[in-house]
Amino acid sequence: MNLLMAIGTWFGQNILTKPEFFVGLLVFVGYLFLGKKIYEAVGGFIKATVGYMILNVGAGGIVTTFRPILAALKTKFQLNAAVIDPYFGLQAVDEAIKNIIEQDSSKSNLAAAVMMALLIGFVINILLVLFRKFTKVRTLFITGHIMQQQASTAAWMIFFLFPQFQNIKGVILIGIFAGIYWAVGSNLSVEPTQRLTENAGFAIGHQQMFAIWVADKLAPKIGNPKKKLDDLKLPKWLSMLHDDIIATGLIMIVFFGIIMWVLGPEFFTAKFGKCVIENNVQTCPVINPNGVAAGAFDPKKLSFGT
């Protein structure tokens, strides 16, 4: 019994509360269930773990970069805006759960709530596949970072709307909901993906599963089913958009550029003499030698922060 307790404690402290390793472990187990070789499963574990670490850096960058823009929108237009982005939401959920724990230390077990719900959901997905003769579910969702995002979002929705479920019952409900959502959603993408890829033998486990199913049902009624995407002829200069880095970069430049142009330069650099005032606190951007806003300071207190 002591050995089991020790193993459980180690798992809780080193895996369950460490999303990157937990996601990697889920991918490892998922690969084994899919009949992959052990070296492929190990490779999947490493890629998922490292990928999640990189994802955390990117998500933190999005939050840090967009926060001054939200503050500027509120100051200039009295607009309380929020970013509808899963990575932004992931950071927000983490902070919200930490605030719940700070306000009530008896709810410290919520620190691992998302990972526990994710584990329960993953087990539910496995069971639905094992009993596919009855459930008709053929897909196992192993896109680790998306699982963590969606479990986080579902956790906060339940905890916020129903505070009485800020406990193990709520975690179990979230896990059941997430597991069924992953299994059913990815299963709906099987036929559309097979038709599009000419039976490549995989399905989609991501954010847009239900959208794929809807598009597959509507597309034949709206367009010409005999025509394929490859038949679409575009000008040669648009071929550069085949590179996702170029396409994403241009979209971000246009999107952020329009917002920043509307706000005006005075909200993004202190040398114009106007800084952002929020909650009766004046903060001015700090520009590093490369001309990039690296943080902000309060001119009265000269205290720095991001």
Protein backbone atom coordinates (compact mmCIF):
# COMPACT_ATOMS: atom_id res chain seq x y z
CA MET A 1 0.00 0.00 0.00
CA ASN A 2 2.83 2.40 0.84
CA LEU A 3 4.41 1.65 -2.52
CA LEU A 4 1.16 2.49 -4.33
CA MET A 5 0.83 5.71 -2.34
CA ALA A 6 4.40 6.65 -3.21
CA ILE A 7 3.80 5.96 -6.90
CA GLY A 8 0.56 7.96 -6.83
CA THR A 9 2.26 10.88 -5.06
CA TRP A 10 5.13 10.89 -7.55
CA PHE A 11 2.73 10.76 -10.49
CA GLY A 12 0.65 13.61 -9.07
CA GLN A 13 3.63 15.86 -8.36
CA ASN A 14 5.66 15.16 -11.49
CA ILE A 15 3.15 14.27 -14.22
CA LEU A 16 -0.41 15.28 -13.33
CA THR A 17 0.55 18.86 -12.47
CA LYS A 18 3.01 19.15 -15.39
CA PRO A 19 0.87 19.51 -18.54
CA GLU A 20 3.77 19.05 -20.95
CA PHE A 21 4.72 15.62 -19.56
CA PHE A 22 1.11 14.58 -19.09
CA VAL A 23 0.24 15.42 -22.70
CA GLY A 24 3.34 13.54 -23.84
CA LEU A 25 2.28 10.52 -21.80
CA LEU A 26 -1.20 10.58 -23.36
CA VAL A 27 0.30 10.66 -26.85
CA PHE A 28 2.62 7.77 -25.91
CA VAL A 29 -0.30 5.65 -24.69
CA GLY A 30 -2.40 6.68 -27.69
CA TYR A 31 0.32 5.56 -30.11
CA LEU A 32 0.50 2.18 -28.39
CA PHE A 33 -3.27 1.76 -28.65
CA LEU A 34 -3.01 2.58 -32.36
CA GLY A 35 -0.55 -0.28 -32.78
CA LYS A 36 2.54 1.87 -33.32
CA LYS A 37 6.04 0.56 -32.62
CA ILE A 38 7.57 1.41 -29.24
CA TYR A 39 10.16 3.71 -30.83
CA GLU A 40 7.37 5.58 -32.64
CA ALA A 41 5.51 5.97 -29.34
CA VAL A 42 8.67 7.30 -27.66
CA GLY A 43 9.17 9.72 -30.55
CA GLY A 44 5.57 10.85 -30.19
CA PHE A 45 6.12 11.44 -26.46
CA ILE A 46 9.20 13.59 -27.11
CA LYS A 47 7.56 15.62 -29.89
CA ALA A 48 4.40 16.19 -27.86
CA THR A 49 6.33 17.23 -24.73
CA VAL A 50 8.71 19.59 -26.51
CA GLY A 51 5.89 20.90 -28.69
CA TYR A 52 3.80 21.76 -25.64
CA MET A 53 6.74 23.63 -24.10
CA ILE A 54 7.09 25.66 -27.31
CA LEU A 55 3.32 26.19 -27.34
CA ASN A 56 3.47 27.66 -23.82
CA VAL A 57 6.09 30.17 -24.95
CA GLY A 58 3.96 31.15 -27.95
CA ALA A 59 0.77 31.41 -25.90
CA GLY A 60 2.53 33.61 -23.34
CA GLY A 61 3.81 35.79 -26.18
CA ILE A 62 0.30 36.26 -27.58
CA VAL A 63 -1.04 37.30 -24.18
CA THR A 64 1.86 39.67 -23.47
CA THR A 65 1.69 41.23 -26.95
CA PHE A 66 -2.07 41.71 -27.09
CA ARG A 67 -2.60 43.00 -23.54
CA PRO A 68 -1.44 46.60 -24.33
CA ILE A 69 -3.78 46.65 -27.33
CA LEU A 70 -6.76 45.63 -25.18
CA ALA A 71 -5.84 48.32 -22.66
CA ALA A 72 -5.60 50.91 -25.44
CA LEU A 73 -9.01 49.93 -26.85
CA LYS A 74 -10.52 50.34 -23.40
CA THR A 75 -8.88 53.70 -22.85
CA LYS A 76 -9.70 55.27 -26.23
CA PHE A 77 -13.12 53.76 -26.97
CA GLN A 78 -14.27 52.56 -23.50
CA LEU A 79 -14.40 49.12 -25.11
CA ASN A 80 -14.03 46.08 -22.88
CA ALA A 81 -12.62 43.62 -25.41
CA ALA A 82 -11.60 40.01 -25.10
CA VAL A 83 -9.55 37.83 -27.41
CA ILE A 84 -11.38 34.79 -28.76
CA ASP A 85 -8.33 32.57 -29.05
CA PRO A 86 -7.77 29.15 -27.44
CA TYR A 87 -4.18 29.94 -26.45
CA PHE A 88 -5.19 33.25 -24.88
CA GLY A 89 -8.02 31.43 -23.12
CA LEU A 90 -5.64 28.74 -21.89
CA GLN A 91 -3.57 31.35 -20.06
CA ALA A 92 -6.74 32.99 -18.69
CA VAL A 93 -8.07 29.68 -17.32
CA ASP A 94 -4.77 28.92 -15.58
CA GLU A 95 -4.81 32.33 -13.90
CA ALA A 96 -8.50 32.01 -12.95
CA ILE A 97 -8.01 28.63 -11.27
CA LYS A 98 -5.00 30.00 -9.38
CA ASN A 99 -7.20 32.89 -8.15
CA ILE A 100 -9.85 30.44 -6.92
CA ILE A 101 -7.17 28.57 -4.93
CA GLU A 102 -5.76 31.83 -3.51
CA GLN A 103 -9.23 32.86 -2.31
CA ASP A 104 -10.01 29.44 -0.82
CA SER A 105 -7.06 27.22 0.10
CA SER A 106 -9.40 24.27 0.69
CA LYS A 107 -9.76 24.07 -3.11
CA SER A 108 -6.06 23.51 -3.72
CA ASN A 109 -6.92 20.21 -5.43
CA LEU A 110 -8.25 22.25 -8.36
CA ALA A 111 -4.63 22.89 -9.40
CA ALA A 112 -4.65 19.49 -11.09
CA ALA A 113 -8.33 19.63 -12.07
CA VAL A 114 -7.74 20.16 -15.78
CA MET A 115 -5.23 17.32 -16.04
CA MET A 116 -7.51 15.01 -14.06
CA ALA A 117 -10.43 15.87 -16.33
CA LEU A 118 -8.19 15.32 -19.35
CA LEU A 119 -7.18 11.88 -18.06
CA ILE A 120 -10.81 10.91 -17.42
CA GLY A 121 -11.78 12.14 -20.90
CA PHE A 122 -8.96 10.19 -22.51
CA VAL A 123 -10.03 7.00 -20.70
CA ILE A 124 -13.65 7.58 -21.81
CA ASN A 125 -12.44 7.97 -25.41
CA ILE A 126 -10.48 4.70 -25.15
CA LEU A 127 -13.52 2.86 -23.74
CA LEU A 128 -15.75 4.16 -26.52
CA VAL A 129 -13.26 2.86 -29.09
CA LEU A 130 -12.87 -0.52 -27.35
CA PHE A 131 -16.65 -0.94 -27.45
CA ARG A 132 -16.92 0.38 -31.02
CA LYS A 133 -19.17 -2.54 -31.92
CA PHE A 134 -21.87 -0.77 -29.93
CA THR A 135 -20.70 2.87 -29.94
CA LYS A 136 -19.58 3.04 -33.62
CA VAL A 137 -16.64 5.21 -32.48
CA ARG A 138 -13.47 4.46 -34.47
CA THR A 139 -11.17 7.34 -33.53
CA LEU A 140 -8.85 8.06 -30.60
CA PHE A 141 -8.15 11.75 -30.04
CA ILE A 142 -4.41 12.21 -29.32
CA THR A 143 -3.78 15.87 -30.24
CA GLY A 144 -2.44 16.61 -26.77
CA HIS A 145 -2.30 20.40 -26.68
CA ILE A 146 -5.83 20.68 -28.11
CA MET A 147 -7.08 18.24 -25.47
CA GLN A 148 -5.54 20.43 -22.77
CA GLN A 149 -7.05 23.61 -24.25
CA GLN A 150 -10.53 22.16 -24.52
CA ALA A 151 -10.41 20.54 -21.08
CA SER A 152 -9.28 23.90 -19.66
CA THR A 153 -12.13 25.76 -21.36
CA ALA A 154 -14.72 23.21 -20.22
CA ALA A 155 -13.30 23.30 -16.67
CA TRP A 156 -13.64 27.06 -16.39
CA MET A 157 -17.14 27.06 -17.87
CA ILE A 158 -18.31 24.54 -15.26
CA PHE A 159 -16.44 26.16 -12.37
CA PHE A 160 -17.65 29.66 -13.28
CA LEU A 161 -21.29 28.85 -14.09
CA PHE A 162 -21.73 26.25 -11.33
CA PRO A 163 -19.47 27.06 -8.34
CA GLN A 164 -20.97 24.11 -6.45
CA PHE A 165 -19.08 21.85 -8.88
CA GLN A 166 -15.65 23.21 -7.97
CA ASN A 167 -14.81 19.74 -6.65
CA ILE A 168 -14.13 16.19 -7.79
CA LYS A 169 -17.72 15.80 -9.05
CA GLY A 170 -17.19 18.72 -11.40
CA VAL A 171 -13.88 17.28 -12.59
CA ILE A 172 -15.56 13.95 -13.42
CA LEU A 173 -18.38 15.70 -15.31
CA ILE A 174 -15.85 17.72 -17.30
CA GLY A 175 -13.89 14.55 -18.10
CA ILE A 176 -16.99 12.71 -19.31
CA PHE A 177 -18.07 15.66 -21.46
CA ALA A 178 -14.58 16.08 -22.94
CA GLY A 179 -14.14 12.37 -23.67
CA ILE A 180 -17.46 12.10 -25.51
CA TYR A 181 -16.77 15.34 -27.40
CA TRP A 182 -13.35 14.12 -28.57
CA ALA A 183 -14.62 10.69 -29.56
CA VAL A 184 -17.75 11.85 -31.40
CA GLY A 185 -16.17 14.92 -32.99
CA SER A 186 -13.14 13.12 -34.43
CA ASN A 187 -15.35 10.21 -35.51
CA LEU A 188 -17.51 12.59 -37.58
CA SER A 189 -14.42 13.67 -39.53
CA VAL A 190 -13.56 10.15 -40.75
CA GLU A 191 -15.64 10.06 -43.96
CA PRO A 192 -14.91 13.67 -45.04
CA THR A 193 -11.17 13.16 -44.46
CA GLN A 194 -11.13 9.84 -46.28
CA ARG A 195 -12.86 11.34 -49.31
CA LEU A 196 -10.57 14.36 -49.38
CA THR A 197 -7.35 12.34 -48.97
CA GLU A 198 -8.45 9.36 -51.08
CA ASN A 199 -8.47 6.95 -48.12
CA ALA A 200 -5.22 8.03 -46.45
CA GLY A 201 -6.40 6.33 -43.26
CA PHE A 202 -6.62 9.12 -40.67
CA ALA A 203 -9.14 11.48 -39.10
CA ILE A 204 -9.00 15.04 -37.70
CA GLY A 205 -8.63 15.62 -33.97
CA HIS A 206 -8.56 19.39 -33.59
CA GLN A 207 -10.74 22.47 -33.09
CA GLN A 208 -12.72 22.26 -36.32
CA MET A 209 -14.13 18.71 -36.26
CA PHE A 210 -17.82 19.64 -36.32
CA ALA A 211 -17.13 22.38 -38.88
CA ILE A 212 -15.56 19.76 -41.17
CA TRP A 213 -18.66 17.60 -40.88
CA VAL A 214 -20.99 20.55 -41.60
CA ALA A 215 -18.87 21.69 -44.56
CA ASP A 216 -18.86 18.15 -45.95
CA LYS A 217 -22.67 18.07 -45.84
CA LEU A 218 -23.17 21.54 -47.32
CA ALA A 219 -20.41 21.63 -49.94
CA PRO A 220 -22.07 19.27 -52.48
CA LYS A 221 -25.25 21.34 -52.34
CA ILE A 222 -23.47 24.68 -52.79
CA GLY A 223 -20.56 23.87 -55.10
CA ASN A 224 -19.73 21.47 -57.91
CA PRO A 225 -18.75 18.06 -56.44
CA LYS A 226 -16.82 17.20 -59.63
CA LYS A 227 -14.37 20.05 -59.12
CA LYS A 228 -11.47 19.77 -56.69
CA LEU A 229 -9.33 22.35 -54.94
CA ASP A 230 -6.46 21.41 -57.26
CA ASP A 231 -8.55 22.61 -60.19
CA LEU A 232 -8.67 26.15 -58.81
CA LYS A 233 -6.42 28.47 -60.81
CA LEU A 234 -4.92 31.45 -59.00
CA PRO A 235 -2.43 34.14 -60.10
CA LYS A 236 1.21 33.11 -59.71
CA TRP A 237 1.92 35.88 -57.23
CA LEU A 238 -0.51 34.26 -54.78
CA SER A 239 1.59 31.09 -54.73
CA MET A 240 3.68 32.57 -51.94
CA LEU A 241 0.67 32.13 -49.66
CA HIS A 242 1.21 28.37 -49.86
CA ASP A 243 3.92 28.96 -47.26
CA ASP A 244 2.09 29.05 -43.92
CA ILE A 245 4.70 31.32 -42.31
CA ILE A 246 4.24 33.97 -45.01
CA ALA A 247 0.44 33.64 -44.97
CA THR A 248 0.23 33.83 -41.17
CA GLY A 249 2.67 36.74 -41.02
CA LEU A 250 0.71 38.77 -43.57
CA ILE A 251 -2.59 38.10 -41.81
CA MET A 252 -1.14 39.20 -38.46
CA ILE A 253 0.38 42.34 -40.01
CA VAL A 254 -2.93 43.33 -41.59
CA PHE A 255 -5.02 42.44 -38.52
CA PHE A 256 -2.82 44.08 -35.89
CA GLY A 257 -1.79 46.87 -38.24
CA ILE A 258 -5.37 48.08 -38.77
CA ILE A 259 -6.11 48.02 -35.02
CA MET A 260 -2.89 49.87 -34.14
CA TRP A 261 -3.48 52.41 -36.94
CA VAL A 262 -6.97 53.13 -35.59
CA LEU A 263 -5.63 53.53 -32.05
CA GLY A 264 -2.76 55.79 -33.09
CA PRO A 265 0.94 55.78 -32.19
CA GLU A 266 0.46 57.64 -28.91
CA PHE A 267 -0.83 54.45 -27.27
CA PHE A 268 2.27 52.44 -28.09
CA THR A 269 5.22 54.70 -27.43
CA ALA A 270 5.95 57.05 -24.53
CA LYS A 271 7.93 59.52 -26.69
CA PHE A 272 4.64 60.89 -28.07
CA GLY A 273 3.81 62.13 -24.59
CA LYS A 274 0.64 60.10 -24.06
CA CYS A 275 0.51 56.88 -22.09
CA VAL A 276 -2.25 54.44 -21.26
CA ILE A 277 -4.32 55.22 -18.16
CA GLU A 278 -6.16 52.24 -16.67
CA ASN A 279 -7.65 51.93 -13.18
CA ASN A 280 -6.28 55.41 -12.37
CA VAL A 281 -2.74 54.16 -13.05
CA GLN A 282 -0.69 55.68 -15.85
CA THR A 283 1.58 53.23 -17.66
CA CYS A 284 3.93 53.89 -20.56
CA PRO A 285 5.52 51.33 -22.90
CA VAL A 286 9.21 50.59 -22.57
CA ILE A 287 10.96 50.36 -25.95
CA ASN A 288 14.01 48.12 -26.16
CA PRO A 289 16.94 48.87 -28.53
CA ASN A 290 15.22 46.95 -31.34
CA GLY A 291 12.16 49.18 -31.11
CA VAL A 292 9.94 46.50 -29.63
CA ALA A 293 7.71 47.17 -26.62
CA ALA A 294 9.20 45.03 -23.84
CA GLY A 295 7.07 46.07 -20.90
CA ALA A 296 5.59 49.09 -19.17
CA PHE A 297 6.38 51.42 -16.29
CA ASP A 298 4.48 53.70 -13.98
CA PRO A 299 6.05 57.16 -14.40
CA LYS A 300 5.21 58.08 -10.79
CA LYS A 301 6.51 54.94 -9.11
CA LEU A 302 9.06 54.01 -11.77
CA SER A 303 8.11 50.36 -11.25
CA PHE A 304 8.49 48.08 -14.22
CA GLY A 305 6.30 45.17 -15.28
CA THR A 306 4.71 43.44 -18.24
